[in-house]
Amino acid sequence: MTSKEVLDKFDKIRAHKHQGKPSPHKAVLIIYALEKTLDGKEWISFEEAEEPLKLLLNKHGHGTNPRPEYPFVRLVNDGIWETKALETLNPSQDYSASKLKQLQANGRILPEITTALKKDSELANGVLFMLRKNFRLE
């Protein structure tokens, strides 16, 4: 996968809108996953990611009840993320945080994207810039 193809995939991520603004949930998960991926971690468990994602959503989100479980499965629909769990997860369905933990849900950025990120040291910066712009993150 080329750097341009990677950027195109991230540019096409669909975001839920809340009061006219894109919800930051997917962007926050991607940013968290990018950091872990570039540090060499292949799979990220929902259980380990839940609290850091809540903190990030509180910083960039809206409302007082951050829900990091929402993007963990739904991001699969955008073609950049995959999940594995004790049973198949439906990317069109929402799961509770307790259910994701019970199913030992894990997710990761697709391997072909990870390979492109590791080949092009500036690509991650391009992805971060795009996410900040498209999701209106500070």
Protein backbone atom coordinates (compact mmCIF):
# COMPACT_ATOMS: atom_id res chain seq x y z
CA MET A 1 0.00 0.00 0.00
CA THR A 2 1.40 3.39 -0.97
CA SER A 3 1.53 6.41 1.31
CA LYS A 4 -1.12 8.12 -0.83
CA GLU A 5 -3.44 5.12 -0.51
CA VAL A 6 -3.00 5.17 3.27
CA LEU A 7 -3.78 8.89 3.45
CA ASP A 8 -6.83 8.38 1.23
CA LYS A 9 -8.15 5.68 3.59
CA PHE A 10 -7.75 7.91 6.63
CA ASP A 11 -9.30 10.86 4.79
CA LYS A 12 -12.44 8.82 4.08
CA ILE A 13 -13.16 7.80 7.68
CA ARG A 14 -16.81 8.42 8.44
CA ALA A 15 -17.51 10.24 11.68
CA HIS A 16 -20.70 10.41 13.67
CA LYS A 17 -21.84 14.04 14.01
CA HIS A 18 -22.86 15.51 17.35
CA GLN A 19 -24.33 19.02 17.32
CA GLY A 20 -22.81 19.61 13.90
CA LYS A 21 -19.29 18.57 14.92
CA PRO A 22 -17.59 15.27 14.12
CA SER A 23 -17.39 13.03 17.17
CA PRO A 24 -13.73 12.45 18.04
CA HIS A 25 -14.07 8.78 19.01
CA LYS A 26 -12.55 7.19 15.90
CA ALA A 27 -9.76 9.76 15.66
CA VAL A 28 -8.82 9.31 19.32
CA LEU A 29 -8.68 5.52 18.94
CA ILE A 30 -6.55 5.85 15.79
CA ILE A 31 -4.11 8.24 17.46
CA TYR A 32 -3.79 5.90 20.45
CA ALA A 33 -3.34 2.89 18.15
CA LEU A 34 -0.77 4.68 15.97
CA GLU A 35 1.39 5.35 18.99
CA LYS A 36 1.16 1.74 20.17
CA THR A 37 1.71 0.36 16.66
CA LEU A 38 4.78 2.48 16.00
CA ASP A 39 6.14 1.33 19.38
CA GLY A 40 5.91 -2.25 18.09
CA LYS A 41 2.65 -3.43 19.65
CA GLU A 42 0.62 -5.45 17.17
CA TRP A 43 -2.73 -6.00 18.93
CA ILE A 44 -4.36 -3.65 21.45
CA SER A 45 -6.80 -5.09 23.94
CA PHE A 46 -9.90 -3.08 24.71
CA GLU A 47 -9.30 -3.69 28.38
CA GLU A 48 -5.87 -1.99 28.31
CA ALA A 49 -7.05 0.83 26.02
CA GLU A 50 -10.29 1.74 27.80
CA GLU A 51 -8.93 4.13 30.46
CA PRO A 52 -6.38 5.96 28.25
CA LEU A 53 -9.09 6.40 25.61
CA LYS A 54 -11.50 7.81 28.20
CA LEU A 55 -8.88 10.38 29.18
CA LEU A 56 -8.29 11.35 25.55
CA LEU A 57 -12.02 11.57 24.86
CA ASN A 58 -12.49 13.80 27.90
CA LYS A 59 -9.82 16.09 26.48
CA HIS A 60 -11.10 16.15 22.89
CA GLY A 61 -14.70 15.05 23.26
CA HIS A 62 -18.01 16.43 24.20
CA GLY A 63 -20.24 15.49 27.09
CA THR A 64 -19.26 13.93 30.38
CA ASN A 65 -19.58 10.23 29.60
CA PRO A 66 -16.84 9.17 27.16
CA ARG A 67 -17.58 5.90 25.38
CA PRO A 68 -14.34 4.40 24.02
CA GLU A 69 -16.15 1.17 23.19
CA TYR A 70 -18.03 2.77 20.27
CA PRO A 71 -15.17 3.05 17.77
CA PHE A 72 -13.38 -0.13 18.86
CA VAL A 73 -15.54 -2.32 16.61
CA ARG A 74 -17.14 0.22 14.27
CA LEU A 75 -13.76 1.41 12.93
CA VAL A 76 -13.61 -1.90 11.00
CA ASN A 77 -16.16 -0.39 8.58
CA ASP A 78 -13.62 2.24 7.50
CA GLY A 79 -11.14 -0.32 6.15
CA ILE A 80 -8.21 0.54 8.42
CA TRP A 81 -8.87 -1.58 11.53
CA GLU A 82 -9.54 -5.19 12.37
CA THR A 83 -10.67 -6.93 15.52
CA LYS A 84 -10.43 -10.36 17.06
CA ALA A 85 -12.30 -11.72 20.06
CA LEU A 86 -13.64 -14.94 21.55
CA GLU A 87 -16.55 -14.62 19.11
CA THR A 88 -17.04 -12.71 15.88
CA LEU A 89 -17.80 -9.02 16.39
CA ASN A 90 -20.31 -7.33 14.09
CA PRO A 91 -18.87 -3.96 12.95
CA SER A 92 -22.37 -2.56 12.51
CA GLN A 93 -23.28 -3.18 16.14
CA ASP A 94 -22.41 -1.34 19.33
CA TYR A 95 -21.00 -3.35 22.23
CA SER A 96 -20.79 -2.36 25.87
CA ALA A 97 -17.37 -1.97 27.46
CA SER A 98 -18.10 -4.94 29.74
CA LYS A 99 -19.03 -7.12 26.74
CA LEU A 100 -15.81 -6.20 24.89
CA LYS A 101 -13.80 -7.12 27.99
CA GLN A 102 -15.74 -10.36 28.45
CA LEU A 103 -15.03 -11.28 24.81
CA GLN A 104 -11.36 -10.31 25.23
CA ALA A 105 -11.66 -7.96 22.25
CA ASN A 106 -8.46 -6.82 20.55
CA GLY A 107 -7.98 -4.48 17.64
CA ARG A 108 -5.21 -3.28 15.38
CA ILE A 109 -4.47 -1.08 12.44
CA LEU A 110 -4.41 -3.29 9.34
CA PRO A 111 -0.98 -4.86 8.72
CA GLU A 112 -0.62 -3.34 5.24
CA ILE A 113 -1.13 0.12 6.72
CA THR A 114 1.31 -0.62 9.53
CA THR A 115 3.92 -1.68 6.95
CA ALA A 116 3.42 1.56 5.00
CA LEU A 117 3.72 3.61 8.22
CA LYS A 118 6.99 1.90 9.09
CA LYS A 119 8.41 2.43 5.57
CA ASP A 120 7.57 6.15 5.42
CA SER A 121 8.57 7.99 8.59
CA GLU A 122 6.54 11.08 7.64
CA LEU A 123 3.32 9.19 6.89
CA ALA A 124 2.21 9.05 10.53
CA ASN A 125 2.55 12.85 10.72
CA GLY A 126 0.37 13.15 7.62
CA VAL A 127 -2.25 10.88 9.16
CA LEU A 128 -2.21 12.86 12.43
CA PHE A 129 -2.56 16.17 10.56
CA MET A 130 -5.50 14.80 8.57
CA LEU A 131 -7.25 13.46 11.68
CA ARG A 132 -6.82 16.76 13.52
CA LYS A 133 -8.24 18.67 10.55
CA ASN A 134 -11.12 16.31 9.70
CA PHE A 135 -12.17 15.70 13.33
CA ARG A 136 -11.42 19.26 14.50
CA LEU A 137 -9.07 18.15 17.25
CA GLU A 138 -6.84 20.63 19.07
